[in-house]
């Protein structure tokens, strides 16, 4: 069996790690969980610069996921006033940053 695969780091318009199956003409965005082991494997192979870029992408993906989770929690009506206030602060920081 022969595989013709291509990995690409998306730009600002399509951030993330993409796997392209050239034979099937498909492009799949890999989950953030795939980024850390890939970065570690690249470090072991001596590709520190590329590993650093993928690690940065992983950190950004994790931060975005946490922010989205916080945003969803802010909508929970069972939150206390203090939790709700903190959620709003986090969202404001995101909008300003």
PDB file of N, CA and C in Angstrom:
ATOM      1  N   UNK A   1       0.847  -1.171   0.000  1.00  0.00           N
ATOM      2  CA  UNK A   1       0.000   0.000   0.000  1.00  0.00           C
ATOM      3  C   UNK A   1       0.891   1.232   0.000  1.00  0.00           C
ATOM      4  N   UNK A   2       0.545   2.184  -0.804  1.00  0.00           N
ATOM      5  CA  UNK A   2       1.317   3.419  -0.898  1.00  0.00           C
ATOM      6  C   UNK A   2       0.455   4.587  -0.432  1.00  0.00           C
ATOM      7  N   UNK A   3       1.043   5.415   0.403  1.00  0.00           N
ATOM      8  CA  UNK A   3       0.363   6.620   0.873  1.00  0.00           C
ATOM      9  C   UNK A   3       1.086   7.835   0.325  1.00  0.00           C
ATOM     10  N   UNK A   4       0.329   8.790  -0.128  1.00  0.00           N
ATOM     11  CA  UNK A   4       0.897  10.060  -0.585  1.00  0.00           C
ATOM     12  C   UNK A   4       0.260  11.139   0.275  1.00  0.00           C
ATOM     13  N   UNK A   5       0.918  11.450   1.391  1.00  0.00           N
ATOM     14  CA  UNK A   5       0.368  12.381   2.372  1.00  0.00           C
ATOM     15  C   UNK A   5       1.207  13.643   2.427  1.00  0.00           C
ATOM     16  N   UNK A   6       0.557  14.715   2.806  1.00  0.00           N
ATOM     17  CA  UNK A   6       1.241  15.998   2.965  1.00  0.00           C
ATOM     18  C   UNK A   6       0.729  16.642   4.247  1.00  0.00           C
ATOM     19  N   UNK A   7       1.641  17.086   5.096  1.00  0.00           N
ATOM     20  CA  UNK A   7       1.287  17.832   6.302  1.00  0.00           C
ATOM     21  C   UNK A   7       1.523  19.297   6.036  1.00  0.00           C
ATOM     22  N   UNK A   8       0.608  20.136   6.491  1.00  0.00           N
ATOM     23  CA  UNK A   8       0.832  21.573   6.332  1.00  0.00           C
ATOM     24  C   UNK A   8       0.308  22.316   7.549  1.00  0.00           C
ATOM     25  N   UNK A   9       1.044  23.353   7.912  1.00  0.00           N
ATOM     26  CA  UNK A   9       0.603  24.270   8.957  1.00  0.00           C
ATOM     27  C   UNK A   9      -0.185  25.358   8.267  1.00  0.00           C
ATOM     28  N   UNK A  10      -1.444  25.504   8.648  1.00  0.00           N
ATOM     29  CA  UNK A  10      -2.269  26.529   8.021  1.00  0.00           C
ATOM     30  C   UNK A  10      -1.813  27.916   8.420  1.00  0.00           C
ATOM     31  N   UNK A  11      -2.136  28.885   7.597  1.00  0.00           N
ATOM     32  CA  UNK A  11      -1.816  30.278   7.899  1.00  0.00           C
ATOM     33  C   UNK A  11      -2.901  30.891   8.761  1.00  0.00           C
ATOM     34  N   UNK A  12      -2.946  32.206   8.792  1.00  0.00           N
ATOM     35  CA  UNK A  12      -3.930  32.894   9.620  1.00  0.00           C
ATOM     36  C   UNK A  12      -5.354  32.605   9.171  1.00  0.00           C
ATOM     37  N   UNK A  13      -5.546  32.389   7.868  1.00  0.00           N
ATOM     38  CA  UNK A  13      -6.892  32.126   7.374  1.00  0.00           C
ATOM     39  C   UNK A  13      -7.374  30.722   7.729  1.00  0.00           C
ATOM     40  N   UNK A  14      -6.455  29.764   7.894  1.00  0.00           N
ATOM     41  CA  UNK A  14      -6.802  28.394   8.257  1.00  0.00           C
ATOM     42  C   UNK A  14      -5.770  27.849   9.237  1.00  0.00           C
ATOM     43  N   UNK A  15      -5.768  28.356  10.480  1.00  0.00           N
ATOM     44  CA  UNK A  15      -4.765  27.892  11.431  1.00  0.00           C
ATOM     45  C   UNK A  15      -4.972  26.421  11.773  1.00  0.00           C
ATOM     46  N   UNK A  16      -3.906  25.759  12.103  1.00  0.00           N
ATOM     47  CA  UNK A  16      -3.992  24.370  12.500  1.00  0.00           C
ATOM     48  C   UNK A  16      -3.045  23.511  11.690  1.00  0.00           C
ATOM     49  N   UNK A  17      -3.073  22.242  11.987  1.00  0.00           N
ATOM     50  CA  UNK A  17      -2.254  21.268  11.280  1.00  0.00           C
ATOM     51  C   UNK A  17      -3.171  20.467  10.372  1.00  0.00           C
ATOM     52  N   UNK A  18      -2.812  20.413   9.107  1.00  0.00           N
ATOM     53  CA  UNK A  18      -3.645  19.757   8.101  1.00  0.00           C
ATOM     54  C   UNK A  18      -2.906  18.567   7.513  1.00  0.00           C
ATOM     55  N   UNK A  19      -3.639  17.492   7.277  1.00  0.00           N
ATOM     56  CA  UNK A  19      -3.118  16.315   6.605  1.00  0.00           C
ATOM     57  C   UNK A  19      -3.875  16.181   5.288  1.00  0.00           C
ATOM     58  N   UNK A  20      -3.126  16.147   4.215  1.00  0.00           N
ATOM     59  CA  UNK A  20      -3.746  16.033   2.898  1.00  0.00           C
ATOM     60  C   UNK A  20      -3.447  14.653   2.323  1.00  0.00           C
ATOM     61  N   UNK A  21      -4.502  13.931   1.996  1.00  0.00           N
ATOM     62  CA  UNK A  21      -4.377  12.643   1.311  1.00  0.00           C
ATOM     63  C   UNK A  21      -4.467  12.962  -0.170  1.00  0.00           C
ATOM     64  N   UNK A  22      -3.327  13.041  -0.817  1.00  0.00           N
ATOM     65  CA  UNK A  22      -3.282  13.499  -2.209  1.00  0.00           C
ATOM     66  C   UNK A  22      -3.974  12.527  -3.156  1.00  0.00           C
ATOM     67  N   UNK A  23      -3.870  11.254  -2.881  1.00  0.00           N
ATOM     68  CA  UNK A  23      -4.485  10.260  -3.756  1.00  0.00           C
ATOM     69  C   UNK A  23      -6.009  10.387  -3.736  1.00  0.00           C
ATOM     70  N   UNK A  24      -6.577  10.566  -2.548  1.00  0.00           N
ATOM     71  CA  UNK A  24      -8.031  10.674  -2.410  1.00  0.00           C
ATOM     72  C   UNK A  24      -8.518  12.109  -2.594  1.00  0.00           C
ATOM     73  N   UNK A  25      -7.589  13.070  -2.609  1.00  0.00           N
ATOM     74  CA  UNK A  25      -7.983  14.466  -2.763  1.00  0.00           C
ATOM     75  C   UNK A  25      -8.714  15.022  -1.556  1.00  0.00           C
ATOM     76  N   UNK A  26      -8.360  14.511  -0.382  1.00  0.00           N
ATOM     77  CA  UNK A  26      -9.006  14.980   0.847  1.00  0.00           C
ATOM     78  C   UNK A  26      -8.017  15.752   1.701  1.00  0.00           C
ATOM     79  N   UNK A  27      -8.561  16.683   2.461  1.00  0.00           N
ATOM     80  CA  UNK A  27      -7.754  17.469   3.392  1.00  0.00           C
ATOM     81  C   UNK A  27      -8.456  17.430   4.739  1.00  0.00           C
ATOM     82  N   UNK A  28      -7.725  17.022   5.775  1.00  0.00           N
ATOM     83  CA  UNK A  28      -8.309  16.832   7.097  1.00  0.00           C
ATOM     84  C   UNK A  28      -7.538  17.675   8.099  1.00  0.00           C
ATOM     85  N   UNK A  29      -8.269  18.413   8.913  1.00  0.00           N
ATOM     86  CA  UNK A  29      -7.616  19.163   9.991  1.00  0.00           C
ATOM     87  C   UNK A  29      -7.415  18.222  11.167  1.00  0.00           C
ATOM     88  N   UNK A  30      -6.173  18.096  11.615  1.00  0.00           N
ATOM     89  CA  UNK A  30      -5.864  17.216  12.735  1.00  0.00           C
ATOM     90  C   UNK A  30      -6.222  17.903  14.052  1.00  0.00           C
ATOM     91  N   UNK A  31      -6.679  17.132  15.041  1.00  0.00           N
ATOM     92  CA  UNK A  31      -7.025  17.732  16.330  1.00  0.00           C
ATOM     93  C   UNK A  31      -5.781  18.242  17.055  1.00  0.00           C
ATOM     94  N   UNK A  32      -5.992  19.151  17.961  1.00  0.00           N
ATOM     95  CA  UNK A  32      -4.881  19.735  18.721  1.00  0.00           C
ATOM     96  C   UNK A  32      -4.076  18.663  19.446  1.00  0.00           C
ATOM     97  N   UNK A  33      -4.729  17.567  19.835  1.00  0.00           N
ATOM     98  CA  UNK A  33      -4.034  16.494  20.547  1.00  0.00           C
ATOM     99  C   UNK A  33      -2.919  15.877  19.705  1.00  0.00           C
ATOM    100  N   UNK A  34      -2.986  16.001  18.398  1.00  0.00           N
ATOM    101  CA  UNK A  34      -1.955  15.433  17.522  1.00  0.00           C
ATOM    102  C   UNK A  34      -0.706  16.307  17.467  1.00  0.00           C
ATOM    103  N   UNK A  35      -0.826  17.549  17.891  1.00  0.00           N
ATOM    104  CA  UNK A  35       0.282  18.491  17.747  1.00  0.00           C
ATOM    105  C   UNK A  35       1.439  18.207  18.703  1.00  0.00           C
ATOM    106  N   UNK A  36       1.142  17.912  19.949  1.00  0.00           N
ATOM    107  CA  UNK A  36       2.207  17.697  20.938  1.00  0.00           C
ATOM    108  C   UNK A  36       3.104  16.514  20.579  1.00  0.00           C
ATOM    109  N   UNK A  37       2.533  15.321  20.281  1.00  0.00           N
ATOM    110  CA  UNK A  37       3.423  14.209  19.914  1.00  0.00           C
ATOM    111  C   UNK A  37       4.207  14.470  18.626  1.00  0.00           C
ATOM    112  N   UNK A  38       3.611  15.194  17.701  1.00  0.00           N
ATOM    113  CA  UNK A  38       4.330  15.526  16.470  1.00  0.00           C
ATOM    114  C   UNK A  38       5.521  16.428  16.783  1.00  0.00           C
ATOM    115  N   UNK A  39       5.315  17.427  17.631  1.00  0.00           N
ATOM    116  CA  UNK A  39       6.411  18.324  18.011  1.00  0.00           C
ATOM    117  C   UNK A  39       7.525  17.548  18.715  1.00  0.00           C
ATOM    118  N   UNK A  40       7.147  16.618  19.598  1.00  0.00           N
ATOM    119  CA  UNK A  40       8.155  15.816  20.297  1.00  0.00           C
ATOM    120  C   UNK A  40       8.943  14.951  19.315  1.00  0.00           C
ATOM    121  N   UNK A  41       8.250  14.357  18.346  1.00  0.00           N
ATOM    122  CA  UNK A  41       8.931  13.524  17.350  1.00  0.00           C
ATOM    123  C   UNK A  41       9.891  14.357  16.504  1.00  0.00           C
ATOM    124  N   UNK A  42       9.488  15.561  16.165  1.00  0.00           N
ATOM    125  CA  UNK A  42      10.362  16.435  15.380  1.00  0.00           C
ATOM    126  C   UNK A  42      11.595  16.851  16.176  1.00  0.00           C
ATOM    127  N   UNK A  43      11.427  17.103  17.473  1.00  0.00           N
ATOM    128  CA  UNK A  43      12.583  17.429  18.316  1.00  0.00           C
ATOM    129  C   UNK A  43      13.573  16.264  18.334  1.00  0.00           C
ATOM    130  N   UNK A  44      13.033  15.046  18.477  1.00  0.00           N
ATOM    131  CA  UNK A  44      13.898  13.860  18.482  1.00  0.00           C
ATOM    132  C   UNK A  44      14.635  13.701  17.152  1.00  0.00           C
ATOM    133  N   UNK A  45      14.014  14.173  16.072  1.00  0.00           N
ATOM    134  CA  UNK A  45      14.635  14.082  14.744  1.00  0.00           C
ATOM    135  C   UNK A  45      15.563  15.256  14.465  1.00  0.00           C
ATOM    136  N   UNK A  46      15.715  16.168  15.451  1.00  0.00           N
ATOM    137  CA  UNK A  46      16.617  17.302  15.288  1.00  0.00           C
ATOM    138  C   UNK A  46      16.006  18.495  14.576  1.00  0.00           C
ATOM    139  N   UNK A  47      14.702  18.514  14.439  1.00  0.00           N
ATOM    140  CA  UNK A  47      14.002  19.610  13.753  1.00  0.00           C
ATOM    141  C   UNK A  47      13.413  20.579  14.781  1.00  0.00           C
ATOM    142  N   UNK A  48      14.280  21.240  15.523  1.00  0.00           N
ATOM    143  CA  UNK A  48      13.851  22.098  16.628  1.00  0.00           C
ATOM    144  C   UNK A  48      12.995  23.272  16.170  1.00  0.00           C
ATOM    145  N   UNK A  49      13.362  23.926  15.069  1.00  0.00           N
ATOM    146  CA  UNK A  49      12.618  25.112  14.610  1.00  0.00           C
ATOM    147  C   UNK A  49      11.187  24.739  14.242  1.00  0.00           C
ATOM    148  N   UNK A  50      11.019  23.666  13.517  1.00  0.00           N
ATOM    149  CA  UNK A  50       9.679  23.223  13.136  1.00  0.00           C
ATOM    150  C   UNK A  50       8.906  22.746  14.359  1.00  0.00           C
ATOM    151  N   UNK A  51       9.577  22.049  15.257  1.00  0.00           N
ATOM    152  CA  UNK A  51       8.942  21.593  16.494  1.00  0.00           C
ATOM    153  C   UNK A  51       8.455  22.784  17.316  1.00  0.00           C
ATOM    154  N   UNK A  52       9.240  23.850  17.360  1.00  0.00           N
ATOM    155  CA  UNK A  52       8.844  25.048  18.109  1.00  0.00           C
ATOM    156  C   UNK A  52       7.602  25.689  17.496  1.00  0.00           C
ATOM    157  N   UNK A  53       7.525  25.716  16.172  1.00  0.00           N
ATOM    158  CA  UNK A  53       6.343  26.283  15.509  1.00  0.00           C
ATOM    159  C   UNK A  53       5.094  25.456  15.807  1.00  0.00           C
ATOM    160  N   UNK A  54       5.243  24.149  15.795  1.00  0.00           N
ATOM    161  CA  UNK A  54       4.100  23.284  16.077  1.00  0.00           C
ATOM    162  C   UNK A  54       3.716  23.375  17.548  1.00  0.00           C
ATOM    163  N   UNK A  55       4.690  23.491  18.440  1.00  0.00           N
ATOM    164  CA  UNK A  55       4.392  23.671  19.868  1.00  0.00           C
ATOM    165  C   UNK A  55       3.630  24.970  20.104  1.00  0.00           C
ATOM    166  N   UNK A  56       4.028  26.030  19.417  1.00  0.00           N
ATOM    167  CA  UNK A  56       3.318  27.309  19.541  1.00  0.00           C
ATOM    168  C   UNK A  56       1.886  27.173  19.039  1.00  0.00           C
ATOM    169  N   UNK A  57       1.706  26.457  17.960  1.00  0.00           N
ATOM    170  CA  UNK A  57       0.366  26.219  17.430  1.00  0.00           C
ATOM    171  C   UNK A  57      -0.466  25.423  18.430  1.00  0.00           C
ATOM    172  N   UNK A  58       0.158  24.435  19.076  1.00  0.00           N
ATOM    173  CA  UNK A  58      -0.542  23.642  20.088  1.00  0.00           C
ATOM    174  C   UNK A  58      -0.975  24.519  21.258  1.00  0.00           C
ATOM    175  N   UNK A  59      -0.073  25.374  21.732  1.00  0.00           N
ATOM    176  CA  UNK A  59      -0.428  26.264  22.847  1.00  0.00           C
ATOM    177  C   UNK A  59      -1.584  27.179  22.465  1.00  0.00           C
ATOM    178  N   UNK A  60      -1.564  27.711  21.258  1.00  0.00           N
ATOM    179  CA  UNK A  60      -2.648  28.587  20.798  1.00  0.00           C
ATOM    180  C   UNK A  60      -3.962  27.822  20.700  1.00  0.00           C
ATOM    181  N   UNK A  61      -3.903  26.586  20.230  1.00  0.00           N
ATOM    182  CA  UNK A  61      -5.120  25.779  20.111  1.00  0.00           C
ATOM    183  C   UNK A  61      -5.702  25.469  21.481  1.00  0.00           C
ATOM    184  N   UNK A  62      -4.846  25.137  22.439  1.00  0.00           N
ATOM    185  CA  UNK A  62      -5.309  24.846  23.799  1.00  0.00           C
ATOM    186  C   UNK A  62      -5.914  26.102  24.426  1.00  0.00           C
ATOM    187  N   UNK A  63      -5.270  27.246  24.245  1.00  0.00           N
ATOM    188  CA  UNK A  63      -5.797  28.504  24.795  1.00  0.00           C
ATOM    189  C   UNK A  63      -7.149  28.833  24.178  1.00  0.00           C
ATOM    190  N   UNK A  64      -7.288  28.645  22.889  1.00  0.00           N
ATOM    191  CA  UNK A  64      -8.563  28.921  22.221  1.00  0.00           C
ATOM    192  C   UNK A  64      -9.648  27.983  22.724  1.00  0.00           C
ATOM    193  N   UNK A  65      -9.293  26.725  22.948  1.00  0.00           N
ATOM    194  CA  UNK A  65     -10.268  25.760  23.450  1.00  0.00           C
ATOM    195  C   UNK A  65     -10.707  26.138  24.862  1.00  0.00           C
ATOM    196  N   UNK A  66      -9.762  26.513  25.699  1.00  0.00           N
ATOM    197  CA  UNK A  66     -10.112  26.917  27.072  1.00  0.00           C
ATOM    198  C   UNK A  66     -10.992  28.158  27.078  1.00  0.00           C
ATOM    199  N   UNK A  67     -10.696  29.093  26.194  1.00  0.00           N
ATOM    200  CA  UNK A  67     -11.501  30.302  26.102  1.00  0.00           C
ATOM    201  C   UNK A  67     -12.921  29.967  25.662  1.00  0.00           C
ATOM    202  N   UNK A  68     -13.053  29.074  24.701  1.00  0.00           N
ATOM    203  CA  UNK A  68     -14.385  28.672  24.241  1.00  0.00           C
ATOM    204  C   UNK A  68     -15.150  27.972  25.358  1.00  0.00           C
ATOM    205  N   UNK A  69     -14.463  27.131  26.125  1.00  0.00           N
ATOM    206  CA  UNK A  69     -15.104  26.469  27.261  1.00  0.00           C
ATOM    207  C   UNK A  69     -15.556  27.499  28.292  1.00  0.00           C
ATOM    208  N   UNK A  70     -14.730  28.500  28.550  1.00  0.00           N
ATOM    209  CA  UNK A  70     -15.107  29.563  29.489  1.00  0.00           C
ATOM    210  C   UNK A  70     -16.305  30.333  28.968  1.00  0.00           C
ATOM    211  N   UNK A  71     -16.313  30.596  27.687  1.00  0.00           N
ATOM    212  CA  UNK A  71     -17.432  31.310  27.070  1.00  0.00           C
ATOM    213  C   UNK A  71     -18.730  30.516  27.252  1.00  0.00           C
ATOM    214  N   UNK A  72     -18.653  29.213  27.068  1.00  0.00           N
ATOM    215  CA  UNK A  72     -19.837  28.370  27.234  1.00  0.00           C
ATOM    216  C   UNK A  72     -20.288  28.344  28.695  1.00  0.00           C
ATOM    217  N   UNK A  73     -19.321  28.300  29.615  1.00  0.00           N
ATOM    218  CA  UNK A  73     -19.678  28.303  31.036  1.00  0.00           C
ATOM    219  C   UNK A  73     -20.327  29.615  31.442  1.00  0.00           C
ATOM    220  N   UNK A  74     -19.931  30.709  30.817  1.00  0.00           N
ATOM    221  CA  UNK A  74     -20.527  31.999  31.152  1.00  0.00           C
ATOM    222  C   UNK A  74     -22.024  32.003  30.867  1.00  0.00           C
ATOM    223  N   UNK A  75     -22.442  31.179  29.939  1.00  0.00           N
ATOM    224  CA  UNK A  75     -23.852  31.136  29.577  1.00  0.00           C
ATOM    225  C   UNK A  75     -24.666  30.273  30.535  1.00  0.00           C
ATOM    226  N   UNK A  76     -23.999  29.580  31.451  1.00  0.00           N
ATOM    227  CA  UNK A  76     -24.676  28.708  32.404  1.00  0.00           C
ATOM    228  C   UNK A  76     -25.348  29.557  33.474  1.00  0.00           C
ATOM    229  N   UNK A  77     -26.656  29.444  33.559  1.00  0.00           N
ATOM    230  CA  UNK A  77     -27.420  30.277  34.493  1.00  0.00           C
ATOM    231  C   UNK A  77     -27.204  29.888  35.952  1.00  0.00           C
ATOM    232  N   UNK A  78     -26.590  28.745  36.210  1.00  0.00           N
ATOM    233  CA  UNK A  78     -26.372  28.327  37.598  1.00  0.00           C
ATOM    234  C   UNK A  78     -25.109  28.935  38.192  1.00  0.00           C
ATOM    235  N   UNK A  79     -24.376  29.712  37.411  1.00  0.00           N
ATOM    236  CA  UNK A  79     -23.157  30.338  37.907  1.00  0.00           C
ATOM    237  C   UNK A  79     -23.475  31.346  39.005  1.00  0.00           C
ATOM    238  N   UNK A  80     -22.559  31.448  39.952  1.00  0.00           N
ATOM    239  CA  UNK A  80     -22.692  32.485  40.965  1.00  0.00           C
ATOM    240  C   UNK A  80     -22.349  33.832  40.329  1.00  0.00           C
ATOM    241  N   UNK A  81     -22.675  34.891  41.003  1.00  0.00           N
ATOM    242  CA  UNK A  81     -22.368  36.232  40.492  1.00  0.00           C
ATOM    243  C   UNK A  81     -20.860  36.418  40.306  1.00  0.00           C
ATOM    244  N   UNK A  82     -20.065  35.887  41.237  1.00  0.00           N
ATOM    245  CA  UNK A  82     -18.607  36.015  41.144  1.00  0.00           C
ATOM    246  C   UNK A  82     -18.064  35.250  39.936  1.00  0.00           C
ATOM    247  N   UNK A  83     -18.549  34.031  39.723  1.00  0.00           N
ATOM    248  CA  UNK A  83     -18.102  33.251  38.565  1.00  0.00           C
ATOM    249  C   UNK A  83     -18.499  33.937  37.264  1.00  0.00           C
ATOM    250  N   UNK A  84     -19.700  34.482  37.243  1.00  0.00           N
ATOM    251  CA  UNK A  84     -20.188  35.172  36.052  1.00  0.00           C
ATOM    252  C   UNK A  84     -19.322  36.409  35.771  1.00  0.00           C
ATOM    253  N   UNK A  85     -18.996  37.170  36.819  1.00  0.00           N
ATOM    254  CA  UNK A  85     -18.166  38.359  36.667  1.00  0.00           C
ATOM    255  C   UNK A  85     -16.787  37.987  36.121  1.00  0.00           C
ATOM    256  N   UNK A  86     -16.192  36.916  36.645  1.00  0.00           N
ATOM    257  CA  UNK A  86     -14.871  36.478  36.178  1.00  0.00           C
ATOM    258  C   UNK A  86     -14.928  36.030  34.714  1.00  0.00           C
ATOM    259  N   UNK A  87     -15.999  35.354  34.351  1.00  0.00           N
ATOM    260  CA  UNK A  87     -16.168  34.945  32.954  1.00  0.00           C
ATOM    261  C   UNK A  87     -16.196  36.166  32.048  1.00  0.00           C
ATOM    262  N   UNK A  88     -16.930  37.155  32.439  1.00  0.00           N
ATOM    263  CA  UNK A  88     -17.016  38.368  31.628  1.00  0.00           C
ATOM    264  C   UNK A  88     -15.659  39.049  31.516  1.00  0.00           C
ATOM    265  N   UNK A  89     -14.892  39.053  32.601  1.00  0.00           N
ATOM    266  CA  UNK A  89     -13.543  39.630  32.560  1.00  0.00           C
ATOM    267  C   UNK A  89     -12.663  38.892  31.552  1.00  0.00           C
ATOM    268  N   UNK A  90     -12.727  37.573  31.570  1.00  0.00           N
ATOM    269  CA  UNK A  90     -11.931  36.783  30.625  1.00  0.00           C
ATOM    270  C   UNK A  90     -12.318  37.085  29.184  1.00  0.00           C
ATOM    271  N   UNK A  91     -13.595  37.205  28.938  1.00  0.00           N
ATOM    272  CA  UNK A  91     -14.051  37.502  27.579  1.00  0.00           C
ATOM    273  C   UNK A  91     -13.616  38.900  27.148  1.00  0.00           C
ATOM    274  N   UNK A  92     -13.676  39.859  28.062  1.00  0.00           N
ATOM    275  CA  UNK A  92     -13.217  41.219  27.737  1.00  0.00           C
ATOM    276  C   UNK A  92     -11.726  41.222  27.403  1.00  0.00           C
ATOM    277  N   UNK A  93     -10.943  40.485  28.199  1.00  0.00           N
ATOM    278  CA  UNK A  93      -9.502  40.393  27.935  1.00  0.00           C
ATOM    279  C   UNK A  93      -9.242  39.828  26.543  1.00  0.00           C
ATOM    280  N   UNK A  94     -10.027  38.843  26.160  1.00  0.00           N
ATOM    281  CA  UNK A  94      -9.856  38.255  24.829  1.00  0.00           C
ATOM    282  C   UNK A  94     -10.143  39.292  23.749  1.00  0.00           C
ATOM    283  N   UNK A  95     -11.201  40.040  23.914  1.00  0.00           N
ATOM    284  CA  UNK A  95     -11.573  41.026  22.906  1.00  0.00           C
ATOM    285  C   UNK A  95     -10.543  42.150  22.807  1.00  0.00           C
ATOM    286  N   UNK A  96      -9.928  42.505  23.919  1.00  0.00           N
ATOM    287  CA  UNK A  96      -8.933  43.577  23.917  1.00  0.00           C
ATOM    288  C   UNK A  96      -7.577  43.089  23.414  1.00  0.00           C
ATOM    289  N   UNK A  97      -7.289  41.804  23.612  1.00  0.00           N
ATOM    290  CA  UNK A  97      -5.965  41.282  23.292  1.00  0.00           C
ATOM    291  C   UNK A  97      -5.890  40.779  21.909  1.00  0.00           C
TER     292      UNK A  97
END
